[in-house]
Amino acid sequence: MTWMAWTLPTAVFFITIATLLAGMTVWDLAQPSVARKGFLPIATTRGDRFFIGLLSGAWLHLAWLGLTDLPLWYPLAALVVWMIVLLRWG
């Protein structure tokens, strides 16, 4: 059986996502999240906003790959800013 050829960037990506999810879990256990309404049209918890941010980041990167040949550092920087805004005021 042939296994997937893992590259260092792929491993770093999945380890980062797993670490962030574990950190969010610990944070929610230590300080439970309360649903609130920010600029999003629905009341969301911290975990909801994190999930929305991950999904929007995936779509941003897919669109970037499909529409331009520029490096992925640009959408990554935009995603970091978006996640900060979304988690703080979303």
PDB file of N, CA and C in Angstrom:
ATOM      1  N   MET A   1       0.847  -1.173   0.000  1.00  0.00           N
ATOM      2  CA  MET A   1       0.000   0.000   0.000  1.00  0.00           C
ATOM      3  C   MET A   1       0.894   1.239   0.000  1.00  0.00           C
ATOM      4  N   THR A   2       0.517   2.214  -0.802  1.00  0.00           N
ATOM      5  CA  THR A   2       1.278   3.448  -0.881  1.00  0.00           C
ATOM      6  C   THR A   2       0.589   4.517  -0.049  1.00  0.00           C
ATOM      7  N   TRP A   3       1.365   5.177   0.798  1.00  0.00           N
ATOM      8  CA  TRP A   3       0.832   6.231   1.645  1.00  0.00           C
ATOM      9  C   TRP A   3       1.019   7.579   0.983  1.00  0.00           C
ATOM     10  N   MET A   4       0.278   8.538   1.458  1.00  0.00           N
ATOM     11  CA  MET A   4       0.397   9.896   0.925  1.00  0.00           C
ATOM     12  C   MET A   4       1.802  10.424   1.165  1.00  0.00           C
ATOM     13  N   ALA A   5       2.335  11.101   0.187  1.00  0.00           N
ATOM     14  CA  ALA A   5       3.670  11.691   0.322  1.00  0.00           C
ATOM     15  C   ALA A   5       3.537  13.013   1.074  1.00  0.00           C
ATOM     16  N   TRP A   6       3.804  12.984   2.366  1.00  0.00           N
ATOM     17  CA  TRP A   6       3.687  14.185   3.187  1.00  0.00           C
ATOM     18  C   TRP A   6       4.898  15.076   2.953  1.00  0.00           C
ATOM     19  N   THR A   7       4.639  16.336   2.741  1.00  0.00           N
ATOM     20  CA  THR A   7       5.709  17.307   2.635  1.00  0.00           C
ATOM     21  C   THR A   7       5.740  18.113   3.928  1.00  0.00           C
ATOM     22  N   LEU A   8       6.802  18.806   4.156  1.00  0.00           N
ATOM     23  CA  LEU A   8       6.919  19.614   5.366  1.00  0.00           C
ATOM     24  C   LEU A   8       5.821  20.689   5.445  1.00  0.00           C
ATOM     25  N   PRO A   9       5.532  21.429   4.364  1.00  0.00           N
ATOM     26  CA  PRO A   9       4.454  22.418   4.463  1.00  0.00           C
ATOM     27  C   PRO A   9       3.094  21.797   4.789  1.00  0.00           C
ATOM     28  N   THR A  10       2.815  20.611   4.249  1.00  0.00           N
ATOM     29  CA  THR A  10       1.550  19.939   4.547  1.00  0.00           C
ATOM     30  C   THR A  10       1.485  19.547   6.014  1.00  0.00           C
ATOM     31  N   ALA A  11       2.569  18.993   6.526  1.00  0.00           N
ATOM     32  CA  ALA A  11       2.612  18.600   7.934  1.00  0.00           C
ATOM     33  C   ALA A  11       2.469  19.816   8.846  1.00  0.00           C
ATOM     34  N   VAL A  12       3.169  20.902   8.508  1.00  0.00           N
ATOM     35  CA  VAL A  12       3.075  22.125   9.320  1.00  0.00           C
ATOM     36  C   VAL A  12       1.644  22.656   9.310  1.00  0.00           C
ATOM     37  N   PHE A  13       0.985  22.627   8.160  1.00  0.00           N
ATOM     38  CA  PHE A  13      -0.397  23.092   8.058  1.00  0.00           C
ATOM     39  C   PHE A  13      -1.314  22.302   8.988  1.00  0.00           C
ATOM     40  N   PHE A  14      -1.270  20.973   8.908  1.00  0.00           N
ATOM     41  CA  PHE A  14      -2.165  20.160   9.726  1.00  0.00           C
ATOM     42  C   PHE A  14      -1.810  20.219  11.206  1.00  0.00           C
ATOM     43  N   ILE A  15      -0.554  20.298  11.531  1.00  0.00           N
ATOM     44  CA  ILE A  15      -0.142  20.431  12.930  1.00  0.00           C
ATOM     45  C   ILE A  15      -0.616  21.780  13.488  1.00  0.00           C
ATOM     46  N   THR A  16      -0.519  22.833  12.678  1.00  0.00           N
ATOM     47  CA  THR A  16      -0.977  24.150  13.114  1.00  0.00           C
ATOM     48  C   THR A  16      -2.479  24.150  13.370  1.00  0.00           C
ATOM     49  N   ILE A  17      -3.258  23.575  12.450  1.00  0.00           N
ATOM     50  CA  ILE A  17      -4.710  23.524  12.632  1.00  0.00           C
ATOM     51  C   ILE A  17      -5.059  22.711  13.887  1.00  0.00           C
ATOM     52  N   ALA A  18      -4.402  21.571  14.062  1.00  0.00           N
ATOM     53  CA  ALA A  18      -4.668  20.737  15.239  1.00  0.00           C
ATOM     54  C   ALA A  18      -4.297  21.474  16.528  1.00  0.00           C
ATOM     55  N   THR A  19      -3.192  22.191  16.519  1.00  0.00           N
ATOM     56  CA  THR A  19      -2.772  22.954  17.695  1.00  0.00           C
ATOM     57  C   THR A  19      -3.761  24.073  18.003  1.00  0.00           C
ATOM     58  N   LEU A  20      -4.220  24.770  16.966  1.00  0.00           N
ATOM     59  CA  LEU A  20      -5.209  25.832  17.180  1.00  0.00           C
ATOM     60  C   LEU A  20      -6.519  25.275  17.725  1.00  0.00           C
ATOM     61  N   LEU A  21      -6.962  24.143  17.196  1.00  0.00           N
ATOM     62  CA  LEU A  21      -8.189  23.524  17.704  1.00  0.00           C
ATOM     63  C   LEU A  21      -8.031  23.076  19.159  1.00  0.00           C
ATOM     64  N   ALA A  22      -6.885  22.508  19.487  1.00  0.00           N
ATOM     65  CA  ALA A  22      -6.628  22.102  20.872  1.00  0.00           C
ATOM     66  C   ALA A  22      -6.592  23.329  21.786  1.00  0.00           C
ATOM     67  N   GLY A  23      -5.960  24.396  21.323  1.00  0.00           N
ATOM     68  CA  GLY A  23      -5.912  25.625  22.112  1.00  0.00           C
ATOM     69  C   GLY A  23      -7.286  26.220  22.328  1.00  0.00           C
ATOM     70  N   MET A  24      -8.121  26.210  21.282  1.00  0.00           N
ATOM     71  CA  MET A  24      -9.491  26.709  21.424  1.00  0.00           C
ATOM     72  C   MET A  24     -10.293  25.851  22.394  1.00  0.00           C
ATOM     73  N   THR A  25     -10.049  24.542  22.386  1.00  0.00           N
ATOM     74  CA  THR A  25     -10.739  23.643  23.315  1.00  0.00           C
ATOM     75  C   THR A  25     -10.350  23.948  24.754  1.00  0.00           C
ATOM     76  N   VAL A  26      -9.060  24.098  25.002  1.00  0.00           N
ATOM     77  CA  VAL A  26      -8.588  24.411  26.352  1.00  0.00           C
ATOM     78  C   VAL A  26      -9.137  25.763  26.800  1.00  0.00           C
ATOM     79  N   TRP A  27      -9.114  26.735  25.902  1.00  0.00           N
ATOM     80  CA  TRP A  27      -9.625  28.070  26.218  1.00  0.00           C
ATOM     81  C   TRP A  27     -11.112  28.006  26.571  1.00  0.00           C
ATOM     82  N   ASP A  28     -11.881  27.213  25.801  1.00  0.00           N
ATOM     83  CA  ASP A  28     -13.315  27.111  26.083  1.00  0.00           C
ATOM     84  C   ASP A  28     -13.589  26.363  27.384  1.00  0.00           C
ATOM     85  N   LEU A  29     -12.744  25.391  27.728  1.00  0.00           N
ATOM     86  CA  LEU A  29     -12.911  24.692  29.005  1.00  0.00           C
ATOM     87  C   LEU A  29     -12.563  25.608  30.173  1.00  0.00           C
ATOM     88  N   ALA A  30     -11.542  26.435  30.005  1.00  0.00           N
ATOM     89  CA  ALA A  30     -11.118  27.339  31.074  1.00  0.00           C
ATOM     90  C   ALA A  30     -12.072  28.529  31.216  1.00  0.00           C
ATOM     91  N   GLN A  31     -12.555  29.028  30.083  1.00  0.00           N
ATOM     92  CA  GLN A  31     -13.436  30.193  30.092  1.00  0.00           C
ATOM     93  C   GLN A  31     -14.515  29.966  29.031  1.00  0.00           C
ATOM     94  N   PRO A  32     -15.644  29.368  29.426  1.00  0.00           N
ATOM     95  CA  PRO A  32     -16.687  29.039  28.444  1.00  0.00           C
ATOM     96  C   PRO A  32     -17.143  30.263  27.644  1.00  0.00           C
ATOM     97  N   SER A  33     -17.344  30.028  26.364  1.00  0.00           N
ATOM     98  CA  SER A  33     -17.752  31.086  25.451  1.00  0.00           C
ATOM     99  C   SER A  33     -19.253  31.327  25.555  1.00  0.00           C
ATOM    100  N   VAL A  34     -19.643  32.575  25.388  1.00  0.00           N
ATOM    101  CA  VAL A  34     -21.046  32.966  25.406  1.00  0.00           C
ATOM    102  C   VAL A  34     -21.391  33.495  24.018  1.00  0.00           C
ATOM    103  N   ALA A  35     -22.525  33.079  23.485  1.00  0.00           N
ATOM    104  CA  ALA A  35     -22.941  33.563  22.173  1.00  0.00           C
ATOM    105  C   ALA A  35     -23.192  35.063  22.241  1.00  0.00           C
ATOM    106  N   ARG A  36     -22.696  35.771  21.230  1.00  0.00           N
ATOM    107  CA  ARG A  36     -22.906  37.214  21.156  1.00  0.00           C
ATOM    108  C   ARG A  36     -23.073  37.607  19.701  1.00  0.00           C
ATOM    109  N   LYS A  37     -23.631  38.780  19.498  1.00  0.00           N
ATOM    110  CA  LYS A  37     -23.850  39.266  18.143  1.00  0.00           C
ATOM    111  C   LYS A  37     -22.895  40.414  17.878  1.00  0.00           C
ATOM    112  N   GLY A  38     -22.028  40.223  16.903  1.00  0.00           N
ATOM    113  CA  GLY A  38     -21.120  41.273  16.450  1.00  0.00           C
ATOM    114  C   GLY A  38     -21.566  41.747  15.082  1.00  0.00           C
ATOM    115  N   PHE A  39     -20.623  41.912  14.151  1.00  0.00           N
ATOM    116  CA  PHE A  39     -21.006  42.350  12.814  1.00  0.00           C
ATOM    117  C   PHE A  39     -21.550  41.218  11.949  1.00  0.00           C
ATOM    118  N   LEU A  40     -21.388  39.972  12.389  1.00  0.00           N
ATOM    119  CA  LEU A  40     -21.999  38.852  11.674  1.00  0.00           C
ATOM    120  C   LEU A  40     -23.514  38.885  11.896  1.00  0.00           C
ATOM    121  N   PRO A  41     -24.296  38.422  10.931  1.00  0.00           N
ATOM    122  CA  PRO A  41     -25.757  38.528  11.069  1.00  0.00           C
ATOM    123  C   PRO A  41     -26.384  37.518  12.029  1.00  0.00           C
ATOM    124  N   ILE A  42     -25.566  36.705  12.696  1.00  0.00           N
ATOM    125  CA  ILE A  42     -26.085  35.720  13.644  1.00  0.00           C
ATOM    126  C   ILE A  42     -25.294  35.810  14.941  1.00  0.00           C
ATOM    127  N   ALA A  43     -25.882  35.341  16.014  1.00  0.00           N
ATOM    128  CA  ALA A  43     -25.155  35.258  17.283  1.00  0.00           C
ATOM    129  C   ALA A  43     -24.201  34.065  17.199  1.00  0.00           C
ATOM    130  N   THR A  44     -22.952  34.285  17.552  1.00  0.00           N
ATOM    131  CA  THR A  44     -21.944  33.236  17.430  1.00  0.00           C
ATOM    132  C   THR A  44     -21.119  33.136  18.705  1.00  0.00           C
ATOM    133  N   THR A  45     -20.583  31.948  18.930  1.00  0.00           N
ATOM    134  CA  THR A  45     -19.623  31.743  20.010  1.00  0.00           C
ATOM    135  C   THR A  45     -18.217  31.887  19.428  1.00  0.00           C
ATOM    136  N   ARG A  46     -17.240  31.848  20.292  1.00  0.00           N
ATOM    137  CA  ARG A  46     -15.843  31.932  19.879  1.00  0.00           C
ATOM    138  C   ARG A  46     -15.497  30.823  18.880  1.00  0.00           C
ATOM    139  N   GLY A  47     -15.968  29.621  19.150  1.00  0.00           N
ATOM    140  CA  GLY A  47     -15.707  28.488  18.263  1.00  0.00           C
ATOM    141  C   GLY A  47     -16.386  28.636  16.915  1.00  0.00           C
ATOM    142  N   ASP A  48     -17.598  29.184  16.902  1.00  0.00           N
ATOM    143  CA  ASP A  48     -18.301  29.437  15.640  1.00  0.00           C
ATOM    144  C   ASP A  48     -17.512  30.407  14.773  1.00  0.00           C
ATOM    145  N   ARG A  49     -17.037  31.495  15.380  1.00  0.00           N
ATOM    146  CA  ARG A  49     -16.278  32.487  14.633  1.00  0.00           C
ATOM    147  C   ARG A  49     -14.965  31.905  14.128  1.00  0.00           C
ATOM    148  N   PHE A  50     -14.332  31.049  14.920  1.00  0.00           N
ATOM    149  CA  PHE A  50     -13.091  30.393  14.490  1.00  0.00           C
ATOM    150  C   PHE A  50     -13.370  29.489  13.279  1.00  0.00           C
ATOM    151  N   PHE A  51     -14.446  28.722  13.331  1.00  0.00           N
ATOM    152  CA  PHE A  51     -14.815  27.835  12.228  1.00  0.00           C
ATOM    153  C   PHE A  51     -15.137  28.632  10.965  1.00  0.00           C
ATOM    154  N   ILE A  52     -15.891  29.723  11.111  1.00  0.00           N
ATOM    155  CA  ILE A  52     -16.202  30.589   9.974  1.00  0.00           C
ATOM    156  C   ILE A  52     -14.914  31.155   9.383  1.00  0.00           C
ATOM    157  N   GLY A  53     -13.981  31.525  10.238  1.00  0.00           N
ATOM    158  CA  GLY A  53     -12.696  32.043   9.765  1.00  0.00           C
ATOM    159  C   GLY A  53     -11.898  31.001   9.003  1.00  0.00           C
ATOM    160  N   LEU A  54     -11.881  29.765   9.494  1.00  0.00           N
ATOM    161  CA  LEU A  54     -11.168  28.700   8.782  1.00  0.00           C
ATOM    162  C   LEU A  54     -11.801  28.426   7.422  1.00  0.00           C
ATOM    163  N   LEU A  55     -13.128  28.386   7.379  1.00  0.00           N
ATOM    164  CA  LEU A  55     -13.809  28.155   6.101  1.00  0.00           C
ATOM    165  C   LEU A  55     -13.556  29.296   5.118  1.00  0.00           C
ATOM    166  N   SER A  56     -13.675  30.521   5.589  1.00  0.00           N
ATOM    167  CA  SER A  56     -13.449  31.652   4.687  1.00  0.00           C
ATOM    168  C   SER A  56     -11.991  31.698   4.233  1.00  0.00           C
ATOM    169  N   GLY A  57     -11.079  31.288   5.094  1.00  0.00           N
ATOM    170  CA  GLY A  57      -9.674  31.222   4.699  1.00  0.00           C
ATOM    171  C   GLY A  57      -9.431  30.180   3.622  1.00  0.00           C
ATOM    172  N   ALA A  58     -10.107  29.042   3.733  1.00  0.00           N
ATOM    173  CA  ALA A  58      -9.974  28.001   2.708  1.00  0.00           C
ATOM    174  C   ALA A  58     -10.489  28.518   1.367  1.00  0.00           C
ATOM    175  N   TRP A  59     -11.654  29.169   1.377  1.00  0.00           N
ATOM    176  CA  TRP A  59     -12.207  29.707   0.133  1.00  0.00           C
ATOM    177  C   TRP A  59     -11.323  30.807  -0.435  1.00  0.00           C
ATOM    178  N   LEU A  60     -10.774  31.647   0.417  1.00  0.00           N
ATOM    179  CA  LEU A  60      -9.870  32.704  -0.043  1.00  0.00           C
ATOM    180  C   LEU A  60      -8.657  32.100  -0.744  1.00  0.00           C
ATOM    181  N   HIS A  61      -8.066  31.087  -0.137  1.00  0.00           N
ATOM    182  CA  HIS A  61      -6.885  30.467  -0.733  1.00  0.00           C
ATOM    183  C   HIS A  61      -7.218  29.743  -2.037  1.00  0.00           C
ATOM    184  N   LEU A  62      -8.360  29.065  -2.088  1.00  0.00           N
ATOM    185  CA  LEU A  62      -8.758  28.396  -3.328  1.00  0.00           C
ATOM    186  C   LEU A  62      -9.000  29.416  -4.442  1.00  0.00           C
ATOM    187  N   ALA A  63      -9.671  30.511  -4.125  1.00  0.00           N
ATOM    188  CA  ALA A  63      -9.895  31.555  -5.121  1.00  0.00           C
ATOM    189  C   ALA A  63      -8.574  32.156  -5.582  1.00  0.00           C
ATOM    190  N   TRP A  64      -7.673  32.380  -4.646  1.00  0.00           N
ATOM    191  CA  TRP A  64      -6.366  32.940  -4.971  1.00  0.00           C
ATOM    192  C   TRP A  64      -5.611  32.009  -5.925  1.00  0.00           C
ATOM    193  N   LEU A  65      -5.627  30.721  -5.621  1.00  0.00           N
ATOM    194  CA  LEU A  65      -4.943  29.758  -6.487  1.00  0.00           C
ATOM    195  C   LEU A  65      -5.568  29.701  -7.880  1.00  0.00           C
ATOM    196  N   GLY A  66      -6.887  29.851  -7.945  1.00  0.00           N
ATOM    197  CA  GLY A  66      -7.567  29.766  -9.223  1.00  0.00           C
ATOM    198  C   GLY A  66      -7.484  31.024 -10.061  1.00  0.00           C
ATOM    199  N   LEU A  67      -7.291  32.173  -9.429  1.00  0.00           N
ATOM    200  CA  LEU A  67      -7.364  33.437 -10.156  1.00  0.00           C
ATOM    201  C   LEU A  67      -6.037  34.149 -10.364  1.00  0.00           C
ATOM    202  N   THR A  68      -5.001  33.728  -9.668  1.00  0.00           N
ATOM    203  CA  THR A  68      -3.727  34.439  -9.775  1.00  0.00           C
ATOM    204  C   THR A  68      -2.557  33.469  -9.629  1.00  0.00           C
ATOM    205  N   ASP A  69      -1.406  33.920 -10.092  1.00  0.00           N
ATOM    206  CA  ASP A  69      -0.172  33.130  -9.952  1.00  0.00           C
ATOM    207  C   ASP A  69       0.738  33.704  -8.876  1.00  0.00           C
ATOM    208  N   LEU A  70       0.247  34.682  -8.140  1.00  0.00           N
ATOM    209  CA  LEU A  70       1.047  35.309  -7.090  1.00  0.00           C
ATOM    210  C   LEU A  70       1.236  34.347  -5.923  1.00  0.00           C
ATOM    211  N   PRO A  71       2.254  34.581  -5.090  1.00  0.00           N
ATOM    212  CA  PRO A  71       2.518  33.688  -3.948  1.00  0.00           C
ATOM    213  C   PRO A  71       1.365  33.663  -2.944  1.00  0.00           C
ATOM    214  N   LEU A  72       1.282  32.573  -2.205  1.00  0.00           N
ATOM    215  CA  LEU A  72       0.220  32.393  -1.215  1.00  0.00           C
ATOM    216  C   LEU A  72       0.456  33.185   0.068  1.00  0.00           C
ATOM    217  N   TRP A  73       1.561  33.898   0.166  1.00  0.00           N
ATOM    218  CA  TRP A  73       1.816  34.701   1.367  1.00  0.00           C
ATOM    219  C   TRP A  73       0.809  35.844   1.484  1.00  0.00           C
ATOM    220  N   TYR A  74       0.333  36.355   0.353  1.00  0.00           N
ATOM    221  CA  TYR A  74      -0.622  37.468   0.381  1.00  0.00           C
ATOM    222  C   TYR A  74      -1.968  37.054   0.990  1.00  0.00           C
ATOM    223  N   PRO A  75      -2.583  35.979   0.505  1.00  0.00           N
ATOM    224  CA  PRO A  75      -3.846  35.598   1.153  1.00  0.00           C
ATOM    225  C   PRO A  75      -3.645  35.117   2.589  1.00  0.00           C
ATOM    226  N   LEU A  76      -2.473  34.565   2.905  1.00  0.00           N
ATOM    227  CA  LEU A  76      -2.206  34.165   4.284  1.00  0.00           C
ATOM    228  C   LEU A  76      -2.191  35.387   5.193  1.00  0.00           C
ATOM    229  N   ALA A  77      -1.538  36.455   4.748  1.00  0.00           N
ATOM    230  CA  ALA A  77      -1.517  37.692   5.539  1.00  0.00           C
ATOM    231  C   ALA A  77      -2.927  38.252   5.688  1.00  0.00           C
ATOM    232  N   ALA A  78      -3.705  38.230   4.596  1.00  0.00           N
ATOM    233  CA  ALA A  78      -5.089  38.707   4.660  1.00  0.00           C
ATOM    234  C   ALA A  78      -5.911  37.841   5.603  1.00  0.00           C
ATOM    235  N   LEU A  79      -5.664  36.539   5.596  1.00  0.00           N
ATOM    236  CA  LEU A  79      -6.401  35.630   6.478  1.00  0.00           C
ATOM    237  C   LEU A  79      -6.087  35.896   7.944  1.00  0.00           C
ATOM    238  N   VAL A  80      -4.837  36.154   8.267  1.00  0.00           N
ATOM    239  CA  VAL A  80      -4.473  36.441   9.658  1.00  0.00           C
ATOM    240  C   VAL A  80      -5.203  37.698  10.141  1.00  0.00           C
ATOM    241  N   VAL A  81      -5.212  38.735   9.309  1.00  0.00           N
ATOM    242  CA  VAL A  81      -5.919  39.966   9.670  1.00  0.00           C
ATOM    243  C   VAL A  81      -7.416  39.684   9.804  1.00  0.00           C
ATOM    244  N   TRP A  82      -7.988  38.950   8.851  1.00  0.00           N
ATOM    245  CA  TRP A  82      -9.412  38.609   8.878  1.00  0.00           C
ATOM    246  C   TRP A  82      -9.768  37.814  10.132  1.00  0.00           C
ATOM    247  N   MET A  83      -8.932  36.840  10.504  1.00  0.00           N
ATOM    248  CA  MET A  83      -9.212  36.034  11.699  1.00  0.00           C
ATOM    249  C   MET A  83      -9.182  36.898  12.965  1.00  0.00           C
ATOM    250  N   ILE A  84      -8.251  37.825  13.040  1.00  0.00           N
ATOM    251  CA  ILE A  84      -8.185  38.705  14.204  1.00  0.00           C
ATOM    252  C   ILE A  84      -9.451  39.556  14.289  1.00  0.00           C
ATOM    253  N   VAL A  85      -9.853  40.144  13.161  1.00  0.00           N
ATOM    254  CA  VAL A  85     -11.072  40.972  13.131  1.00  0.00           C
ATOM    255  C   VAL A  85     -12.296  40.121  13.453  1.00  0.00           C
ATOM    256  N   LEU A  86     -12.382  38.950  12.846  1.00  0.00           N
ATOM    257  CA  LEU A  86     -13.545  38.089  13.035  1.00  0.00           C
ATOM    258  C   LEU A  86     -13.667  37.602  14.486  1.00  0.00           C
ATOM    259  N   LEU A  87     -12.558  37.173  15.070  1.00  0.00           N
ATOM    260  CA  LEU A  87     -12.612  36.681  16.441  1.00  0.00           C
ATOM    261  C   LEU A  87     -12.871  37.801  17.436  1.00  0.00           C
ATOM    262  N   ARG A  88     -12.401  38.998  17.131  1.00  0.00           N
ATOM    263  CA  ARG A  88     -12.573  40.112  18.065  1.00  0.00           C
ATOM    264  C   ARG A  88     -13.942  40.763  17.956  1.00  0.00           C
ATOM    265  N   TRP A  89     -14.368  41.070  16.716  1.00  0.00           N
ATOM    266  CA  TRP A  89     -15.584  41.857  16.538  1.00  0.00           C
ATOM    267  C   TRP A  89     -16.698  41.127  15.793  1.00  0.00           C
ATOM    268  N   GLY A  90     -16.454  39.885  15.373  1.00  0.00           N
ATOM    269  CA  GLY A  90     -17.462  39.144  14.604  1.00  0.00           C
ATOM    270  C   GLY A  90     -18.542  38.668  15.494  1.00  0.00           C
TER     271      GLY A  90
END
